[in-house]
Each structure stands twice: as C-alpha cells, then as structure tokens.
Protein backbone atom coordinates (compact mmCIF):
# COMPACT_ATOMS: atom_id res chain seq x y z
CA UNK A 1 11.59 1.56 3.71
CA UNK A 2 8.84 3.14 1.89
CA UNK A 3 5.33 2.53 2.77
CA UNK A 4 2.30 2.48 0.71
CA UNK A 5 -0.93 3.32 2.33
CA UNK A 6 -4.47 3.66 1.50
CA UNK A 7 -6.34 7.37 2.75
CA UNK A 8 -9.71 7.87 4.62
CA UNK A 9 -9.32 3.83 5.05
CA UNK A 10 -11.61 2.36 7.76
CA UNK A 11 -8.90 2.02 10.58
CA UNK A 12 -5.47 3.70 10.97
CA UNK A 13 -2.77 2.04 9.99
CA UNK A 14 0.90 1.37 11.03
CA UNK A 15 4.27 2.56 8.59
CA UNK A 16 5.44 -0.64 9.13
CA UNK A 17 5.98 -4.26 7.59
CA UNK A 18 4.17 -5.42 10.80
CA UNK A 19 0.92 -3.69 10.46
CA UNK A 20 -2.42 -5.31 11.36
CA UNK A 21 -3.68 -5.13 7.83
CA UNK A 22 -0.68 -7.75 6.79
CA UNK A 23 1.02 -5.52 4.08
CA UNK A 24 3.02 -7.49 1.25
CA UNK A 25 6.68 -5.91 1.23
CA UNK A 26 8.72 -5.86 -1.74
CA UNK A 27 13.14 -5.72 -1.85
CA UNK A 28 13.26 -6.13 -5.90
CA UNK A 29 11.40 -5.18 -8.68
CA UNK A 30 10.55 -7.79 -11.34
CA UNK A 31 13.80 -7.16 -12.98
CA UNK A 32 15.50 -8.37 -9.63
CA UNK A 33 16.88 -5.16 -9.23
CA UNK A 34 17.10 -4.25 -5.48
CA UNK A 35 15.10 -1.05 -4.42
CA UNK A 36 17.94 1.59 -3.48
CA UNK A 37 15.62 2.84 -0.39
CA UNK A 38 14.86 -0.44 1.36
CA UNK A 39 11.72 -2.72 0.60
CA UNK A 40 8.56 -1.06 -0.58
CA UNK A 41 5.61 -1.97 2.01
CA UNK A 42 2.30 -2.44 0.43
CA UNK A 43 -0.78 -2.17 3.00
CA UNK A 44 -4.37 -3.84 2.72
CA UNK A 45 -7.38 -1.24 2.97
CA UNK A 46 -9.91 -2.11 5.33
CA UNK A 47 -12.53 -0.87 3.30
CA UNK A 48 -11.44 -3.38 0.02
CA UNK A 49 -10.79 -0.07 -2.02
CA UNK A 50 -7.87 -2.49 -3.95
CA UNK A 51 -11.73 -5.17 -4.99
CA UNK A 52 -13.26 -2.14 -6.11
CA UNK A 53 -10.10 -0.65 -8.18
CA UNK A 54 -9.25 -4.15 -10.02
CA UNK A 55 -13.11 -4.48 -10.86
CA UNK A 56 -14.04 -1.41 -12.24
CA UNK A 57 -10.44 -0.65 -13.49
CA UNK A 58 -10.27 2.90 -11.93
CA UNK A 59 -9.95 4.68 -8.77
CA UNK A 60 -12.43 4.31 -5.33
CA UNK A 61 -13.03 7.73 -5.47
CA UNK A 62 -11.81 11.09 -4.78
CA UNK A 63 -11.57 10.51 -0.74
CA UNK A 64 -10.21 6.50 -0.96
CA UNK A 65 -6.44 7.37 -2.35
CA UNK A 66 -3.42 6.09 -1.71
CA UNK A 67 0.15 7.74 0.25
CA UNK A 68 3.57 7.33 -0.07
CA UNK A 69 5.70 7.50 3.48
CA UNK A 70 9.55 7.16 3.07
CA UNK A 71 10.96 6.09 6.34
C-alpha cells in the first residue's frame, strides 16, 4: 500500500485507508493496469490545500507539501 499524505497538516494522519480524512483508494491506473505494489491511498488535507492548489494551479507553499509512504 502506498499513502500520499499532506505534510504539516492541521491534524495527524494515520497511514491506512481508514484515516479520519476519508482518503480515496486507487487500485489501478486510468488504463486499467493494477498497481503492482498495492493500492494508492490519497489522503485529504484538513487545511484544504487541495482547493488552494486547484484554484491557483500550484502548491500551497513550501511548508504544505505532500509525502509518499510505502508500507
């Protein structure tokens, strides 16, 4: 399983699909190819940085990056 988690978020995330942020799990890519290392779990940020990134089409700032963890 691979977790994509926001760093320096307002709340601590649990690296599981059962995190408080109700993350979305993807088991295959858009072409239908199954991910060989398990599902990718994309977490939602409590500080709403995803909306800022969509609005301004860039990251929310140096301290608001994302991290990838493989279990």
